[in-house]
Amino acid sequence: MHKAFAILKQQTEKGIGIIAVVHDLNLASLYADQIVLLDQQQVLHCGPPVNVITKANIEQVFKTQVSIIDHPQNKKPVVIQAAL
């Protein structure tokens, strides 16, 4: 999956627009320039991953506790589900 998204990311650098529906928050965070977070078919947040993938936003939509850390290579947010 990462290979496919890396190829798509290269296309955006050529000026080609890409729209993808992704349910993996960490994959979206790593590759997307903009993220739209939906809740009950409504746009809840829209913007760069660092503004959308936040502890408060994810906990509000998914009703579970998470931690958000920075990816060690690119500082994009990474979601980690809290231990049960």
N, C-alpha and C. Protein backbone atom coordinates (compact mmCIF):
# COMPACT_ATOMS: atom_id res chain seq x y z
N MET A 1 0.83 -1.20 0.00
CA MET A 1 0.00 0.00 0.00
C MET A 1 0.87 1.25 0.00
N HIS A 2 1.95 1.23 0.76
CA HIS A 2 2.82 2.40 0.81
C HIS A 2 3.41 2.72 -0.56
N LYS A 3 3.76 1.69 -1.31
CA LYS A 3 4.32 1.89 -2.64
C LYS A 3 3.32 2.61 -3.54
N ALA A 4 2.07 2.18 -3.50
CA ALA A 4 1.03 2.81 -4.31
C ALA A 4 0.86 4.28 -3.93
N PHE A 5 0.84 4.57 -2.64
CA PHE A 5 0.66 5.95 -2.20
C PHE A 5 1.89 6.80 -2.51
N ALA A 6 3.06 6.21 -2.48
CA ALA A 6 4.28 6.94 -2.85
C ALA A 6 4.22 7.34 -4.33
N ILE A 7 3.72 6.45 -5.16
CA ILE A 7 3.57 6.77 -6.59
C ILE A 7 2.55 7.88 -6.78
N LEU A 8 1.44 7.80 -6.06
CA LEU A 8 0.42 8.86 -6.15
C LEU A 8 0.99 10.20 -5.67
N LYS A 9 1.78 10.17 -4.60
CA LYS A 9 2.38 11.39 -4.08
C LYS A 9 3.30 12.02 -5.13
N GLN A 10 4.05 11.20 -5.87
CA GLN A 10 4.91 11.71 -6.94
C GLN A 10 4.07 12.42 -8.01
N GLN A 11 2.89 11.90 -8.28
CA GLN A 11 2.03 12.52 -9.29
C GLN A 11 1.56 13.90 -8.83
N THR A 12 1.31 14.06 -7.54
CA THR A 12 0.88 15.37 -7.05
C THR A 12 1.99 16.40 -7.20
N GLU A 13 3.23 15.95 -7.12
CA GLU A 13 4.36 16.86 -7.29
C GLU A 13 4.49 17.33 -8.74
N LYS A 14 3.82 16.65 -9.66
CA LYS A 14 3.78 17.05 -11.07
C LYS A 14 2.56 17.92 -11.36
N GLY A 15 1.79 18.22 -10.32
CA GLY A 15 0.62 19.07 -10.48
C GLY A 15 -0.68 18.33 -10.72
N ILE A 16 -0.66 17.01 -10.61
CA ILE A 16 -1.86 16.21 -10.80
C ILE A 16 -2.58 16.09 -9.45
N GLY A 17 -3.88 16.37 -9.45
CA GLY A 17 -4.67 16.25 -8.23
C GLY A 17 -5.12 14.82 -8.00
N ILE A 18 -5.05 14.37 -6.78
CA ILE A 18 -5.47 13.02 -6.41
C ILE A 18 -6.48 13.13 -5.27
N ILE A 19 -7.58 12.42 -5.40
CA ILE A 19 -8.56 12.30 -4.32
C ILE A 19 -8.66 10.83 -3.98
N ALA A 20 -8.51 10.50 -2.70
CA ALA A 20 -8.58 9.10 -2.26
C ALA A 20 -9.42 9.01 -1.00
N VAL A 21 -10.20 7.95 -0.91
CA VAL A 21 -10.94 7.65 0.31
C VAL A 21 -10.11 6.61 1.06
N VAL A 22 -9.66 6.98 2.25
CA VAL A 22 -8.76 6.12 3.02
C VAL A 22 -9.31 6.01 4.45
N HIS A 23 -9.44 4.78 4.92
CA HIS A 23 -9.91 4.56 6.28
C HIS A 23 -8.76 4.34 7.26
N ASP A 24 -7.55 4.26 6.77
CA ASP A 24 -6.37 4.12 7.61
C ASP A 24 -5.83 5.52 7.90
N LEU A 25 -6.07 6.00 9.11
CA LEU A 25 -5.69 7.37 9.47
C LEU A 25 -4.20 7.61 9.34
N ASN A 26 -3.39 6.63 9.70
CA ASN A 26 -1.94 6.82 9.64
C ASN A 26 -1.45 6.87 8.19
N LEU A 27 -2.03 6.08 7.33
CA LEU A 27 -1.67 6.13 5.92
C LEU A 27 -2.07 7.48 5.32
N ALA A 28 -3.26 7.93 5.63
CA ALA A 28 -3.71 9.23 5.15
C ALA A 28 -2.79 10.34 5.67
N SER A 29 -2.44 10.27 6.92
CA SER A 29 -1.57 11.28 7.51
C SER A 29 -0.21 11.35 6.83
N LEU A 30 0.34 10.20 6.51
CA LEU A 30 1.67 10.16 5.90
C LEU A 30 1.72 10.74 4.48
N TYR A 31 0.64 10.56 3.73
CA TYR A 31 0.69 10.90 2.31
C TYR A 31 -0.19 12.06 1.88
N ALA A 32 -1.22 12.38 2.62
CA ALA A 32 -2.16 13.42 2.18
C ALA A 32 -1.66 14.82 2.51
N ASP A 33 -1.94 15.73 1.61
CA ASP A 33 -1.67 17.15 1.89
C ASP A 33 -2.83 17.75 2.69
N GLN A 34 -4.04 17.28 2.40
CA GLN A 34 -5.25 17.73 3.07
C GLN A 34 -6.08 16.51 3.44
N ILE A 35 -6.74 16.57 4.58
CA ILE A 35 -7.60 15.48 5.04
C ILE A 35 -8.97 16.05 5.39
N VAL A 36 -10.01 15.33 5.01
CA VAL A 36 -11.37 15.66 5.42
C VAL A 36 -11.81 14.56 6.38
N LEU A 37 -12.13 14.93 7.60
CA LEU A 37 -12.58 13.98 8.62
C LEU A 37 -14.09 14.08 8.72
N LEU A 38 -14.75 12.96 8.44
CA LEU A 38 -16.21 12.92 8.47
C LEU A 38 -16.71 12.26 9.74
N ASP A 39 -17.87 12.70 10.19
CA ASP A 39 -18.57 12.07 11.31
C ASP A 39 -20.05 12.07 10.98
N GLN A 40 -20.64 10.88 10.87
CA GLN A 40 -22.06 10.75 10.53
C GLN A 40 -22.38 11.50 9.23
N GLN A 41 -21.54 11.33 8.23
CA GLN A 41 -21.71 11.89 6.89
C GLN A 41 -21.59 13.42 6.86
N GLN A 42 -21.06 14.00 7.90
CA GLN A 42 -20.85 15.45 7.97
C GLN A 42 -19.36 15.74 8.05
N VAL A 43 -18.93 16.81 7.37
CA VAL A 43 -17.53 17.22 7.47
C VAL A 43 -17.31 17.82 8.85
N LEU A 44 -16.43 17.19 9.60
CA LEU A 44 -16.13 17.66 10.95
C LEU A 44 -14.91 18.58 10.94
N HIS A 45 -13.87 18.16 10.21
CA HIS A 45 -12.64 18.95 10.10
C HIS A 45 -12.05 18.75 8.72
N CYS A 46 -11.36 19.78 8.25
CA CYS A 46 -10.71 19.71 6.95
C CYS A 46 -9.44 20.55 7.02
N GLY A 47 -8.33 19.98 6.53
CA GLY A 47 -7.07 20.72 6.53
C GLY A 47 -5.88 19.79 6.47
N PRO A 48 -4.71 20.34 6.74
CA PRO A 48 -3.50 19.51 6.75
C PRO A 48 -3.57 18.45 7.86
N PRO A 49 -2.88 17.32 7.68
CA PRO A 49 -2.93 16.26 8.69
C PRO A 49 -2.67 16.74 10.11
N VAL A 50 -1.72 17.61 10.30
CA VAL A 50 -1.38 18.07 11.66
C VAL A 50 -2.55 18.80 12.33
N ASN A 51 -3.43 19.39 11.52
CA ASN A 51 -4.59 20.11 12.08
C ASN A 51 -5.81 19.22 12.25
N VAL A 52 -5.88 18.13 11.50
CA VAL A 52 -7.06 17.26 11.52
C VAL A 52 -6.85 16.04 12.40
N ILE A 53 -5.67 15.42 12.31
CA ILE A 53 -5.37 14.22 13.09
C ILE A 53 -4.88 14.64 14.47
N THR A 54 -5.84 15.00 15.32
CA THR A 54 -5.52 15.40 16.69
C THR A 54 -6.21 14.45 17.66
N LYS A 55 -5.72 14.41 18.87
CA LYS A 55 -6.30 13.56 19.90
C LYS A 55 -7.79 13.86 20.08
N ALA A 56 -8.14 15.12 20.21
CA ALA A 56 -9.53 15.51 20.43
C ALA A 56 -10.42 15.11 19.25
N ASN A 57 -9.96 15.36 18.03
CA ASN A 57 -10.78 15.04 16.85
C ASN A 57 -11.00 13.54 16.72
N ILE A 58 -9.96 12.75 16.88
CA ILE A 58 -10.06 11.31 16.69
C ILE A 58 -10.92 10.69 17.80
N GLU A 59 -10.72 11.14 19.02
CA GLU A 59 -11.53 10.61 20.12
C GLU A 59 -13.00 10.98 19.97
N GLN A 60 -13.27 12.17 19.44
CA GLN A 60 -14.65 12.59 19.23
C GLN A 60 -15.34 11.71 18.18
N VAL A 61 -14.68 11.44 17.09
CA VAL A 61 -15.30 10.68 16.00
C VAL A 61 -15.36 9.19 16.31
N PHE A 62 -14.27 8.62 16.82
CA PHE A 62 -14.20 7.17 17.00
C PHE A 62 -14.55 6.70 18.40
N LYS A 63 -14.81 7.62 19.30
CA LYS A 63 -15.26 7.28 20.66
C LYS A 63 -14.33 6.31 21.37
N THR A 64 -13.03 6.52 21.20
CA THR A 64 -12.03 5.70 21.87
C THR A 64 -10.82 6.58 22.19
N GLN A 65 -10.11 6.22 23.24
CA GLN A 65 -8.94 6.99 23.64
C GLN A 65 -7.76 6.64 22.75
N VAL A 66 -7.02 7.67 22.36
CA VAL A 66 -5.84 7.50 21.53
C VAL A 66 -4.72 8.38 22.03
N SER A 67 -3.54 8.08 21.54
CA SER A 67 -2.40 8.98 21.69
C SER A 67 -1.98 9.37 20.29
N ILE A 68 -1.48 10.57 20.16
CA ILE A 68 -0.95 11.05 18.88
C ILE A 68 0.52 11.35 19.10
N ILE A 69 1.36 10.75 18.26
CA ILE A 69 2.79 11.02 18.31
C ILE A 69 3.24 11.52 16.95
N ASP A 70 4.40 12.13 16.90
CA ASP A 70 4.97 12.57 15.63
C ASP A 70 5.75 11.42 15.00
N HIS A 71 5.55 11.21 13.70
CA HIS A 71 6.33 10.22 12.97
C HIS A 71 7.80 10.65 13.05
N PRO A 72 8.71 9.73 13.34
CA PRO A 72 10.11 10.12 13.55
C PRO A 72 10.81 10.68 12.30
N GLN A 73 10.32 10.36 11.10
CA GLN A 73 10.99 10.83 9.90
C GLN A 73 10.41 12.11 9.34
N ASN A 74 9.10 12.30 9.43
CA ASN A 74 8.51 13.47 8.78
C ASN A 74 7.62 14.31 9.69
N LYS A 75 7.54 13.94 10.96
CA LYS A 75 6.77 14.68 11.98
C LYS A 75 5.28 14.74 11.71
N LYS A 76 4.75 13.90 10.81
CA LYS A 76 3.30 13.82 10.60
C LYS A 76 2.69 13.08 11.78
N PRO A 77 1.43 13.41 12.13
CA PRO A 77 0.80 12.73 13.28
C PRO A 77 0.53 11.25 13.01
N VAL A 78 0.78 10.45 14.04
CA VAL A 78 0.52 9.01 14.01
C VAL A 78 -0.43 8.69 15.17
N VAL A 79 -1.49 7.95 14.87
CA VAL A 79 -2.50 7.61 15.86
C VAL A 79 -2.17 6.26 16.47
N ILE A 80 -2.17 6.21 17.78
CA ILE A 80 -1.97 4.97 18.52
C ILE A 80 -3.16 4.78 19.45
N GLN A 81 -3.86 3.66 19.30
CA GLN A 81 -5.00 3.40 20.15
C GLN A 81 -4.51 3.10 21.56
N ALA A 82 -5.22 3.62 22.54
CA ALA A 82 -4.87 3.37 23.94
C ALA A 82 -5.10 1.90 24.28
N ALA A 83 -4.30 1.39 25.17
CA ALA A 83 -4.45 0.00 25.61
C ALA A 83 -5.77 -0.12 26.37
N LEU A 84 -6.43 -1.24 26.16
CA LEU A 84 -7.71 -1.45 26.85
C LEU A 84 -7.50 -2.09 28.20
